[in-house]
Amino acid sequence: MKGKTVVITGGNDGIGFQTALELARMGANIVIVSRNEQKAKNAVEGIKSSTGNNNIQYDVADLASQQSIRKAAEQIRSKVDKIDVLLNNAGGSFQKFQLTEDGLELTIATNHFAYFLLTGLLLDLLKKPDSARIVNVSSHSHYRGKIDFESFTKSKSYFIMKAYEQSKLANVLFTFELADKLKNSNVAANCLHPGMVKTKLGNKAGGYSAVFWTLVSSAFGISVEKGAQTSVYLASSLEMKGVTGKYFAKCKPVKVNPLANDIVLRKKLWEESEKYSEFHYPV
């Protein structure tokens, strides 16, 4: 990974931070995308001091805001001339139905549309190296997910887990469709389940959901070191060269929710994603 450029969303904390740390140890040039500038600065300094790698930078973005994502993409473009790995890692779950400034439900905006838009905006930089990788962090929650397009913009018996499961299925659908569109290029796209990790992900929900997440993840969750293993593997392993359109858990390809292989659903999600992001993909 020495000399390769890696962009990681949510790289200031949890799995994202651990992934950035381990890839930095391998010599990668890291760009962290974080919503909180102070946390980003702390993460950059922590990685530098732990690894001795000074090629660590950050950009600030609220990934629930498409305007902010566009601004972050421009900031990244001013820093790097190519991207070897884009790791869409940041995500969240939210107790109550909320609309973003773009009129999208907050969970699907943060967990899916941010992946879709940022990847598209940076795709030309991913096409510059001889070989590049897009790694999308999904979850086994996608097995219970269903896509309800109306729920992207309307409150329909909103439930936190239903919204989260839908967003994680959207990650897999997006990855598979993207991999298909890029099959004749130098860019591979894969997604993964990190495991139930002891992170602050569920705490963003607030209320009883945050308490439940804390109790369950504390009792059954794995360490962030273990949770980052598959992300690090997909980003760096020579075994992954030429592998695309797969879903991984514990560094192994595994079966997905059958809906993820529904080509009609994949294409419909792509069309809706282009419409709501007002962005036409350069593929």
C-alpha atoms as a PDB file:
ATOM      1  CA  MET A   1       0.000   0.000   0.000  1.00  0.00           C
ATOM      2  CA  LYS A   2       3.021   2.261   0.127  1.00  0.00           C
ATOM      3  CA  GLY A   3       2.329   5.434  -1.823  1.00  0.00           C
ATOM      4  CA  LYS A   4      -1.290   4.557  -2.550  1.00  0.00           C
ATOM      5  CA  THR A   5      -4.016   7.083  -1.802  1.00  0.00           C
ATOM      6  CA  VAL A   6      -6.938   5.964   0.350  1.00  0.00           C
ATOM      7  CA  VAL A   7     -10.034   8.071   1.081  1.00  0.00           C
ATOM      8  CA  ILE A   8     -12.064   6.901   4.105  1.00  0.00           C
ATOM      9  CA  THR A   9     -15.358   8.402   5.225  1.00  0.00           C
ATOM     10  CA  GLY A  10     -15.884   8.269   8.973  1.00  0.00           C
ATOM     11  CA  GLY A  11     -12.176   7.698   9.441  1.00  0.00           C
ATOM     12  CA  ASN A  12     -12.060   9.638  12.680  1.00  0.00           C
ATOM     13  CA  ASP A  13     -13.633   6.970  14.892  1.00  0.00           C
ATOM     14  CA  GLY A  14     -14.476   3.298  15.304  1.00  0.00           C
ATOM     15  CA  ILE A  15     -13.925   0.919  12.396  1.00  0.00           C
ATOM     16  CA  GLY A  16     -13.027   3.769  10.058  1.00  0.00           C
ATOM     17  CA  PHE A  17     -10.268   5.034  12.321  1.00  0.00           C
ATOM     18  CA  GLN A  18      -8.874   1.537  12.847  1.00  0.00           C
ATOM     19  CA  THR A  19      -8.906   0.897   9.103  1.00  0.00           C
ATOM     20  CA  ALA A  20      -7.127   4.188   8.435  1.00  0.00           C
ATOM     21  CA  LEU A  21      -4.573   3.375  11.128  1.00  0.00           C
ATOM     22  CA  GLU A  22      -3.753  -0.049   9.708  1.00  0.00           C
ATOM     23  CA  LEU A  23      -3.539   1.161   6.104  1.00  0.00           C
ATOM     24  CA  ALA A  24      -1.315   4.035   7.243  1.00  0.00           C
ATOM     25  CA  ARG A  25       0.993   1.477   8.859  1.00  0.00           C
ATOM     26  CA  MET A  26       1.265  -0.123   5.420  1.00  0.00           C
ATOM     27  CA  GLY A  27       2.447   3.192   3.990  1.00  0.00           C
ATOM     28  CA  ALA A  28      -0.769   4.447   2.401  1.00  0.00           C
ATOM     29  CA  ASN A  29      -1.534   8.149   2.022  1.00  0.00           C
ATOM     30  CA  ILE A  30      -4.784   8.647   3.939  1.00  0.00           C
ATOM     31  CA  VAL A  31      -7.531  11.237   3.515  1.00  0.00           C
ATOM     32  CA  ILE A  32     -10.139  11.071   6.269  1.00  0.00           C
ATOM     33  CA  VAL A  33     -13.607  12.525   5.672  1.00  0.00           C
ATOM     34  CA  SER A  34     -15.290  13.519   8.934  1.00  0.00           C
ATOM     35  CA  ARG A  35     -18.255  15.636   9.996  1.00  0.00           C
ATOM     36  CA  ASN A  36     -16.413  17.015  13.030  1.00  0.00           C
ATOM     37  CA  GLU A  37     -13.224  18.952  12.318  1.00  0.00           C
ATOM     38  CA  GLN A  38     -11.746  18.631  15.803  1.00  0.00           C
ATOM     39  CA  LYS A  39     -12.284  14.861  15.801  1.00  0.00           C
ATOM     40  CA  ALA A  40     -10.704  14.701  12.366  1.00  0.00           C
ATOM     41  CA  LYS A  41      -7.660  16.650  13.567  1.00  0.00           C
ATOM     42  CA  ASN A  42      -7.333  14.365  16.595  1.00  0.00           C
ATOM     43  CA  ALA A  43      -7.565  11.282  14.392  1.00  0.00           C
ATOM     44  CA  VAL A  44      -4.922  12.582  11.979  1.00  0.00           C
ATOM     45  CA  GLU A  45      -2.517  13.357  14.812  1.00  0.00           C
ATOM     46  CA  GLY A  46      -3.213   9.994  16.433  1.00  0.00           C
ATOM     47  CA  ILE A  47      -2.470   8.104  13.229  1.00  0.00           C
ATOM     48  CA  LYS A  48       0.680  10.100  12.557  1.00  0.00           C
ATOM     49  CA  SER A  49       2.056   9.534  16.052  1.00  0.00           C
ATOM     50  CA  SER A  50       1.164   5.820  16.057  1.00  0.00           C
ATOM     51  CA  THR A  51       2.525   4.991  12.616  1.00  0.00           C
ATOM     52  CA  GLY A  52       5.178   7.578  11.821  1.00  0.00           C
ATOM     53  CA  ASN A  53       3.343   8.143   8.544  1.00  0.00           C
ATOM     54  CA  ASN A  54       2.867  11.871   8.000  1.00  0.00           C
ATOM     55  CA  ASN A  55       0.890  11.546   4.773  1.00  0.00           C
ATOM     56  CA  ILE A  56      -2.440  11.807   6.609  1.00  0.00           C
ATOM     57  CA  GLN A  57      -4.981  14.523   5.796  1.00  0.00           C
ATOM     58  CA  TYR A  58      -8.650  15.244   6.424  1.00  0.00           C
ATOM     59  CA  ASP A  59     -11.638  16.977   4.903  1.00  0.00           C
ATOM     60  CA  VAL A  60     -14.837  17.983   6.655  1.00  0.00           C
ATOM     61  CA  ALA A  61     -18.262  16.933   5.338  1.00  0.00           C
ATOM     62  CA  ASP A  62     -21.749  16.360   6.654  1.00  0.00           C
ATOM     63  CA  LEU A  63     -22.592  13.243   4.649  1.00  0.00           C
ATOM     64  CA  ALA A  64     -26.316  13.861   5.091  1.00  0.00           C
ATOM     65  CA  SER A  65     -25.928  17.009   2.975  1.00  0.00           C
ATOM     66  CA  GLN A  66     -25.372  16.700  -0.755  1.00  0.00           C
ATOM     67  CA  GLN A  67     -24.000  20.228  -0.921  1.00  0.00           C
ATOM     68  CA  SER A  68     -21.462  19.321   1.757  1.00  0.00           C
ATOM     69  CA  ILE A  69     -20.525  16.121  -0.105  1.00  0.00           C
ATOM     70  CA  ARG A  70     -19.923  18.096  -3.287  1.00  0.00           C
ATOM     71  CA  LYS A  71     -17.740  20.546  -1.407  1.00  0.00           C
ATOM     72  CA  ALA A  72     -15.759  17.702   0.183  1.00  0.00           C
ATOM     73  CA  ALA A  73     -15.204  16.116  -3.217  1.00  0.00           C
ATOM     74  CA  GLU A  74     -13.727  19.383  -4.475  1.00  0.00           C
ATOM     75  CA  GLN A  75     -11.493  19.596  -1.394  1.00  0.00           C
ATOM     76  CA  ILE A  76     -10.264  16.048  -1.983  1.00  0.00           C
ATOM     77  CA  ARG A  77      -9.583  16.812  -5.648  1.00  0.00           C
ATOM     78  CA  SER A  78      -7.415  19.760  -4.584  1.00  0.00           C
ATOM     79  CA  LYS A  79      -5.288  17.435  -2.432  1.00  0.00           C
ATOM     80  CA  VAL A  80      -4.819  14.326  -4.594  1.00  0.00           C
ATOM     81  CA  ASP A  81      -4.498  13.563  -8.301  1.00  0.00           C
ATOM     82  CA  LYS A  82      -5.601   9.942  -8.043  1.00  0.00           C
ATOM     83  CA  ILE A  83      -7.419   7.616  -5.641  1.00  0.00           C
ATOM     84  CA  ASP A  84      -6.435   3.964  -5.261  1.00  0.00           C
ATOM     85  CA  VAL A  85      -9.077   3.077  -2.670  1.00  0.00           C
ATOM     86  CA  LEU A  86     -12.342   4.786  -1.752  1.00  0.00           C
ATOM     87  CA  LEU A  87     -13.729   3.320   1.443  1.00  0.00           C
ATOM     88  CA  ASN A  88     -17.323   4.395   2.120  1.00  0.00           C
ATOM     89  CA  ASN A  89     -17.485   3.602   5.816  1.00  0.00           C
ATOM     90  CA  ALA A  90     -19.472   6.327   7.606  1.00  0.00           C
ATOM     91  CA  GLY A  91     -23.049   5.580   8.607  1.00  0.00           C
ATOM     92  CA  GLY A  92     -25.678   6.065  11.243  1.00  0.00           C
ATOM     93  CA  SER A  93     -29.076   5.078  12.600  1.00  0.00           C
ATOM     94  CA  PHE A  94     -31.688   7.490  13.877  1.00  0.00           C
ATOM     95  CA  GLN A  95     -34.503   7.108  16.369  1.00  0.00           C
ATOM     96  CA  LYS A  96     -37.018   9.402  14.661  1.00  0.00           C
ATOM     97  CA  PHE A  97     -38.022  10.220  11.114  1.00  0.00           C
ATOM     98  CA  GLN A  98     -36.140  13.290   9.906  1.00  0.00           C
ATOM     99  CA  LEU A  99     -35.768  14.923   6.512  1.00  0.00           C
ATOM    100  CA  THR A 100     -32.435  16.361   5.382  1.00  0.00           C
ATOM    101  CA  GLU A 101     -32.039  19.698   3.631  1.00  0.00           C
ATOM    102  CA  ASP A 102     -32.313  17.710   0.372  1.00  0.00           C
ATOM    103  CA  GLY A 103     -35.724  16.319   1.356  1.00  0.00           C
ATOM    104  CA  LEU A 104     -34.439  12.786   2.003  1.00  0.00           C
ATOM    105  CA  GLU A 105     -34.988  10.608   5.068  1.00  0.00           C
ATOM    106  CA  LEU A 106     -31.859  10.953   7.187  1.00  0.00           C
ATOM    107  CA  THR A 107     -30.869   7.253   7.329  1.00  0.00           C
ATOM    108  CA  ILE A 108     -31.034   6.603   3.600  1.00  0.00           C
ATOM    109  CA  ALA A 109     -29.370   9.966   2.927  1.00  0.00           C
ATOM    110  CA  THR A 110     -26.425   9.230   5.230  1.00  0.00           C
ATOM    111  CA  ASN A 111     -26.003   5.521   4.564  1.00  0.00           C
ATOM    112  CA  HIS A 112     -26.765   5.245   0.856  1.00  0.00           C
ATOM    113  CA  PHE A 113     -26.919   8.574  -0.975  1.00  0.00           C
ATOM    114  CA  ALA A 114     -23.600   9.676   0.513  1.00  0.00           C
ATOM    115  CA  TYR A 115     -21.956   6.523  -0.881  1.00  0.00           C
ATOM    116  CA  PHE A 116     -23.618   7.011  -4.261  1.00  0.00           C
ATOM    117  CA  LEU A 117     -22.826  10.699  -4.696  1.00  0.00           C
ATOM    118  CA  LEU A 118     -19.286  10.808  -3.294  1.00  0.00           C
ATOM    119  CA  THR A 119     -18.252   7.777  -5.343  1.00  0.00           C
ATOM    120  CA  GLY A 120     -19.623   9.312  -8.517  1.00  0.00           C
ATOM    121  CA  LEU A 121     -17.914  12.633  -7.898  1.00  0.00           C
ATOM    122  CA  LEU A 122     -14.550  10.924  -7.381  1.00  0.00           C
ATOM    123  CA  LEU A 123     -14.853   8.204 -10.003  1.00  0.00           C
ATOM    124  CA  ASP A 124     -12.540   9.854 -12.518  1.00  0.00           C
ATOM    125  CA  LEU A 125      -9.760   9.908  -9.882  1.00  0.00           C
ATOM    126  CA  LEU A 126     -10.362   6.197  -9.235  1.00  0.00           C
ATOM    127  CA  LYS A 127      -9.898   5.470 -12.928  1.00  0.00           C
ATOM    128  CA  LYS A 128      -6.396   6.995 -13.005  1.00  0.00           C
ATOM    129  CA  PRO A 129      -4.374   4.209 -11.274  1.00  0.00           C
ATOM    130  CA  ASP A 130      -3.803   0.904 -13.049  1.00  0.00           C
ATOM    131  CA  SER A 131      -6.058  -0.733 -10.476  1.00  0.00           C
ATOM    132  CA  ALA A 132      -8.431   0.865  -7.953  1.00  0.00           C
ATOM    133  CA  ARG A 133     -10.971  -0.330  -5.412  1.00  0.00           C
ATOM    134  CA  ILE A 134     -14.280   0.907  -4.035  1.00  0.00           C
ATOM    135  CA  VAL A 135     -15.126  -0.654  -0.679  1.00  0.00           C
ATOM    136  CA  ASN A 136     -18.605  -0.096   0.772  1.00  0.00           C
ATOM    137  CA  VAL A 137     -19.351  -1.000   4.389  1.00  0.00           C
ATOM    138  CA  SER A 138     -22.777  -2.633   4.585  1.00  0.00           C
ATOM    139  CA  SER A 139     -24.118  -5.019   7.253  1.00  0.00           C
ATOM    140  CA  HIS A 140     -25.811  -8.364   7.741  1.00  0.00           C
ATOM    141  CA  SER A 141     -28.820  -6.183   8.588  1.00  0.00           C
ATOM    142  CA  HIS A 142     -29.308  -6.053   4.824  1.00  0.00           C
ATOM    143  CA  TYR A 143     -30.673  -9.616   4.956  1.00  0.00           C
ATOM    144  CA  ARG A 144     -33.835  -8.231   6.586  1.00  0.00           C
ATOM    145  CA  GLY A 145     -33.984  -5.172   4.349  1.00  0.00           C
ATOM    146  CA  LYS A 146     -36.580  -4.238   1.755  1.00  0.00           C
ATOM    147  CA  ILE A 147     -36.599  -1.191  -0.488  1.00  0.00           C
ATOM    148  CA  ASP A 148     -39.583   1.137  -0.200  1.00  0.00           C
ATOM    149  CA  PHE A 149     -38.872   4.053  -2.517  1.00  0.00           C
ATOM    150  CA  GLU A 150     -41.643   6.214  -1.064  1.00  0.00           C
ATOM    151  CA  SER A 151     -39.972   5.992   2.363  1.00  0.00           C
ATOM    152  CA  PHE A 152     -36.961   7.839   0.931  1.00  0.00           C
ATOM    153  CA  THR A 153     -38.936  11.062   1.255  1.00  0.00           C
ATOM    154  CA  LYS A 154     -42.037  10.250   3.334  1.00  0.00           C
ATOM    155  CA  SER A 155     -42.694   8.945   6.841  1.00  0.00           C
ATOM    156  CA  LYS A 156     -44.377   5.563   6.463  1.00  0.00           C
ATOM    157  CA  SER A 157     -44.627   3.933   9.895  1.00  0.00           C
ATOM    158  CA  TYR A 158     -40.984   4.830  10.476  1.00  0.00           C
ATOM    159  CA  PHE A 159     -38.980   2.382  12.569  1.00  0.00           C
ATOM    160  CA  ILE A 160     -35.288   2.757  13.211  1.00  0.00           C
ATOM    161  CA  MET A 161     -34.260  -0.793  12.313  1.00  0.00           C
ATOM    162  CA  LYS A 162     -36.454  -0.914   9.215  1.00  0.00           C
ATOM    163  CA  ALA A 163     -34.803   2.259   7.932  1.00  0.00           C
ATOM    164  CA  TYR A 164     -31.327   0.969   8.763  1.00  0.00           C
ATOM    165  CA  GLU A 165     -31.910  -2.434   7.150  1.00  0.00           C
ATOM    166  CA  GLN A 166     -33.195  -0.749   3.994  1.00  0.00           C
ATOM    167  CA  SER A 167     -30.112   1.480   3.803  1.00  0.00           C
ATOM    168  CA  LYS A 168     -27.753  -1.473   4.205  1.00  0.00           C
ATOM    169  CA  LEU A 169     -29.552  -3.398   1.447  1.00  0.00           C
ATOM    170  CA  ALA A 170     -29.190  -0.280  -0.688  1.00  0.00           C
ATOM    171  CA  ASN A 171     -25.402  -0.463  -0.091  1.00  0.00           C
ATOM    172  CA  VAL A 172     -25.291  -3.968  -1.553  1.00  0.00           C
ATOM    173  CA  LEU A 173     -27.590  -3.146  -4.471  1.00  0.00           C
ATOM    174  CA  PHE A 174     -25.493  -0.072  -5.296  1.00  0.00           C
ATOM    175  CA  THR A 175     -22.229  -2.027  -5.066  1.00  0.00           C
ATOM    176  CA  PHE A 176     -23.415  -4.805  -7.353  1.00  0.00           C
ATOM    177  CA  GLU A 177     -24.840  -2.422  -9.952  1.00  0.00           C
ATOM    178  CA  LEU A 178     -21.704  -0.263  -9.833  1.00  0.00           C
ATOM    179  CA  ALA A 179     -19.467  -3.317 -10.235  1.00  0.00           C
ATOM    180  CA  ASP A 180     -21.470  -4.345 -13.280  1.00  0.00           C
ATOM    181  CA  LYS A 181     -21.195  -0.883 -14.836  1.00  0.00           C
ATOM    182  CA  LEU A 182     -17.428  -0.830 -14.174  1.00  0.00           C
ATOM    183  CA  LYS A 183     -16.715  -4.421 -15.222  1.00  0.00           C
ATOM    184  CA  ASN A 184     -14.625  -3.351 -18.226  1.00  0.00           C
ATOM    185  CA  SER A 185     -12.647  -0.762 -16.269  1.00  0.00           C
ATOM    186  CA  ASN A 186      -9.744  -0.797 -13.822  1.00  0.00           C
ATOM    187  CA  VAL A 187     -12.055  -0.172 -10.846  1.00  0.00           C
ATOM    188  CA  ALA A 188     -13.428  -2.968  -8.631  1.00  0.00           C
ATOM    189  CA  ALA A 189     -16.361  -2.518  -6.240  1.00  0.00           C
ATOM    190  CA  ASN A 190     -17.105  -4.760  -3.271  1.00  0.00           C
ATOM    191  CA  CYS A 191     -19.016  -4.490   0.000  1.00  0.00           C
ATOM    192  CA  LEU A 192     -18.801  -6.077   3.415  1.00  0.00           C
ATOM    193  CA  HIS A 193     -20.202  -6.862   6.823  1.00  0.00           C
ATOM    194  CA  PRO A 194     -17.761  -5.817   9.565  1.00  0.00           C
ATOM    195  CA  GLY A 195     -19.510  -7.764  12.332  1.00  0.00           C
ATOM    196  CA  MET A 196     -21.255  -6.407  15.401  1.00  0.00           C
ATOM    197  CA  VAL A 197     -18.558  -4.080  16.621  1.00  0.00           C
ATOM    198  CA  LYS A 198     -18.230  -2.160  19.864  1.00  0.00           C
ATOM    199  CA  THR A 199     -18.587   1.280  18.273  1.00  0.00           C
ATOM    200  CA  LYS A 200     -20.678   4.402  18.801  1.00  0.00           C
ATOM    201  CA  LEU A 201     -22.793   3.797  15.677  1.00  0.00           C
ATOM    202  CA  GLY A 202     -26.001   3.051  17.554  1.00  0.00           C
ATOM    203  CA  ASN A 203     -25.480   5.921  19.966  1.00  0.00           C
ATOM    204  CA  LYS A 204     -26.344   8.379  17.196  1.00  0.00           C
ATOM    205  CA  ALA A 205     -29.921   7.113  17.355  1.00  0.00           C
ATOM    206  CA  GLY A 206     -30.554   8.521  20.817  1.00  0.00           C
ATOM    207  CA  GLY A 207     -33.227   7.355  23.241  1.00  0.00           C
ATOM    208  CA  TYR A 208     -33.927   3.721  23.989  1.00  0.00           C
ATOM    209  CA  SER A 209     -32.249   2.558  20.779  1.00  0.00           C
ATOM    210  CA  ALA A 210     -28.922   3.969  21.918  1.00  0.00           C
ATOM    211  CA  VAL A 211     -29.249   2.232  25.284  1.00  0.00           C
ATOM    212  CA  PHE A 212     -30.150  -1.060  23.580  1.00  0.00           C
ATOM    213  CA  TRP A 213     -27.215  -0.767  21.136  1.00  0.00           C
ATOM    214  CA  THR A 214     -24.784  -0.052  23.965  1.00  0.00           C
ATOM    215  CA  LEU A 215     -25.940  -3.059  25.969  1.00  0.00           C
ATOM    216  CA  VAL A 216     -25.958  -5.494  23.046  1.00  0.00           C
ATOM    217  CA  SER A 217     -22.688  -4.367  21.466  1.00  0.00           C
ATOM    218  CA  SER A 218     -20.954  -4.363  24.850  1.00  0.00           C
ATOM    219  CA  ALA A 219     -22.133  -7.900  25.576  1.00  0.00           C
ATOM    220  CA  PHE A 220     -21.697  -9.476  22.140  1.00  0.00           C
ATOM    221  CA  GLY A 221     -19.664  -7.022  20.043  1.00  0.00           C
ATOM    222  CA  ILE A 222     -16.197  -7.638  18.704  1.00  0.00           C
ATOM    223  CA  SER A 223     -13.288  -5.213  18.960  1.00  0.00           C
ATOM    224  CA  VAL A 224     -12.742  -2.477  16.377  1.00  0.00           C
ATOM    225  CA  GLU A 225      -9.510  -4.267  15.434  1.00  0.00           C
ATOM    226  CA  LYS A 226     -11.486  -7.359  14.411  1.00  0.00           C
ATOM    227  CA  GLY A 227     -14.249  -5.236  12.897  1.00  0.00           C
ATOM    228  CA  ALA A 228     -11.777  -3.473  10.609  1.00  0.00           C
ATOM    229  CA  GLN A 229     -10.156  -6.664   9.311  1.00  0.00           C
ATOM    230  CA  THR A 230     -12.428  -7.169   6.316  1.00  0.00           C
ATOM    231  CA  SER A 231     -12.240  -3.499   5.301  1.00  0.00           C
ATOM    232  CA  VAL A 232      -8.441  -3.643   5.451  1.00  0.00           C
ATOM    233  CA  TYR A 233      -8.426  -6.920   3.520  1.00  0.00           C
ATOM    234  CA  LEU A 234     -10.630  -5.606   0.701  1.00  0.00           C
ATOM    235  CA  ALA A 235      -8.602  -2.405   0.486  1.00  0.00           C
ATOM    236  CA  SER A 236      -5.136  -3.940   0.506  1.00  0.00           C
ATOM    237  CA  SER A 237      -4.975  -7.676  -0.158  1.00  0.00           C
ATOM    238  CA  LEU A 238      -3.300  -8.874  -3.352  1.00  0.00           C
ATOM    239  CA  GLU A 239      -5.840 -11.717  -3.334  1.00  0.00           C
ATOM    240  CA  MET A 240      -8.536  -9.143  -4.119  1.00  0.00           C
ATOM    241  CA  LYS A 241      -6.980  -8.047  -7.399  1.00  0.00           C
ATOM    242  CA  GLY A 242      -9.610  -8.448 -10.112  1.00  0.00           C
ATOM    243  CA  VAL A 243     -12.368  -9.443  -7.681  1.00  0.00           C
ATOM    244  CA  THR A 244     -15.500  -7.312  -7.987  1.00  0.00           C
ATOM    245  CA  GLY A 245     -19.236  -7.390  -7.262  1.00  0.00           C
ATOM    246  CA  LYS A 246     -18.990  -9.477  -4.086  1.00  0.00           C
ATOM    247  CA  TYR A 247     -20.218  -9.218  -0.501  1.00  0.00           C
ATOM    248  CA  PHE A 248     -17.733 -10.253   2.207  1.00  0.00           C
ATOM    249  CA  ALA A 249     -17.791 -11.223   5.865  1.00  0.00           C
ATOM    250  CA  LYS A 250     -14.702 -12.288   7.812  1.00  0.00           C
ATOM    251  CA  CYS A 251     -12.649 -11.733   4.645  1.00  0.00           C
ATOM    252  CA  LYS A 252     -14.664 -14.324   2.699  1.00  0.00           C
ATOM    253  CA  PRO A 253     -17.339 -13.850   0.030  1.00  0.00           C
ATOM    254  CA  VAL A 254     -20.770 -14.877   1.327  1.00  0.00           C
ATOM    255  CA  LYS A 255     -24.323 -15.077   0.008  1.00  0.00           C
ATOM    256  CA  VAL A 256     -26.544 -12.020   0.072  1.00  0.00           C
ATOM    257  CA  ASN A 257     -30.218 -11.221   0.481  1.00  0.00           C
ATOM    258  CA  PRO A 258     -31.763 -12.511  -2.792  1.00  0.00           C
ATOM    259  CA  LEU A 259     -33.156  -9.015  -3.377  1.00  0.00           C
ATOM    260  CA  ALA A 260     -29.577  -7.823  -3.906  1.00  0.00           C
ATOM    261  CA  ASN A 261     -29.470  -9.918  -7.094  1.00  0.00           C
ATOM    262  CA  ASP A 262     -32.720  -8.471  -8.439  1.00  0.00           C
ATOM    263  CA  ILE A 263     -31.477  -6.648 -11.538  1.00  0.00           C
ATOM    264  CA  VAL A 264     -34.714  -4.689 -11.963  1.00  0.00           C
ATOM    265  CA  LEU A 265     -34.528  -3.474  -8.346  1.00  0.00           C
ATOM    266  CA  ARG A 266     -30.851  -2.587  -8.727  1.00  0.00           C
ATOM    267  CA  LYS A 267     -31.532  -0.464 -11.797  1.00  0.00           C
ATOM    268  CA  LYS A 268     -34.567   1.189 -10.199  1.00  0.00           C
ATOM    269  CA  LEU A 269     -32.496   2.163  -7.141  1.00  0.00           C
ATOM    270  CA  TRP A 270     -29.811   3.560  -9.451  1.00  0.00           C
ATOM    271  CA  GLU A 271     -32.362   5.661 -11.339  1.00  0.00           C
ATOM    272  CA  GLU A 272     -33.908   6.966  -8.110  1.00  0.00           C
ATOM    273  CA  SER A 273     -30.457   7.734  -6.709  1.00  0.00           C
ATOM    274  CA  GLU A 274     -29.534   9.777  -9.771  1.00  0.00           C
ATOM    275  CA  LYS A 275     -32.857  11.615  -9.565  1.00  0.00           C
ATOM    276  CA  TYR A 276     -32.690  12.525  -5.872  1.00  0.00           C
ATOM    277  CA  SER A 277     -28.988  13.428  -5.983  1.00  0.00           C
ATOM    278  CA  GLU A 278     -29.391  15.365  -9.244  1.00  0.00           C
ATOM    279  CA  PHE A 279     -26.249  13.646 -10.437  1.00  0.00           C
ATOM    280  CA  HIS A 280     -25.772  11.632 -13.614  1.00  0.00           C
ATOM    281  CA  TYR A 281     -23.110   8.970 -13.146  1.00  0.00           C
ATOM    282  CA  PRO A 282     -20.097   9.101 -15.491  1.00  0.00           C
ATOM    283  CA  VAL A 283     -20.331   5.390 -16.398  1.00  0.00           C
END
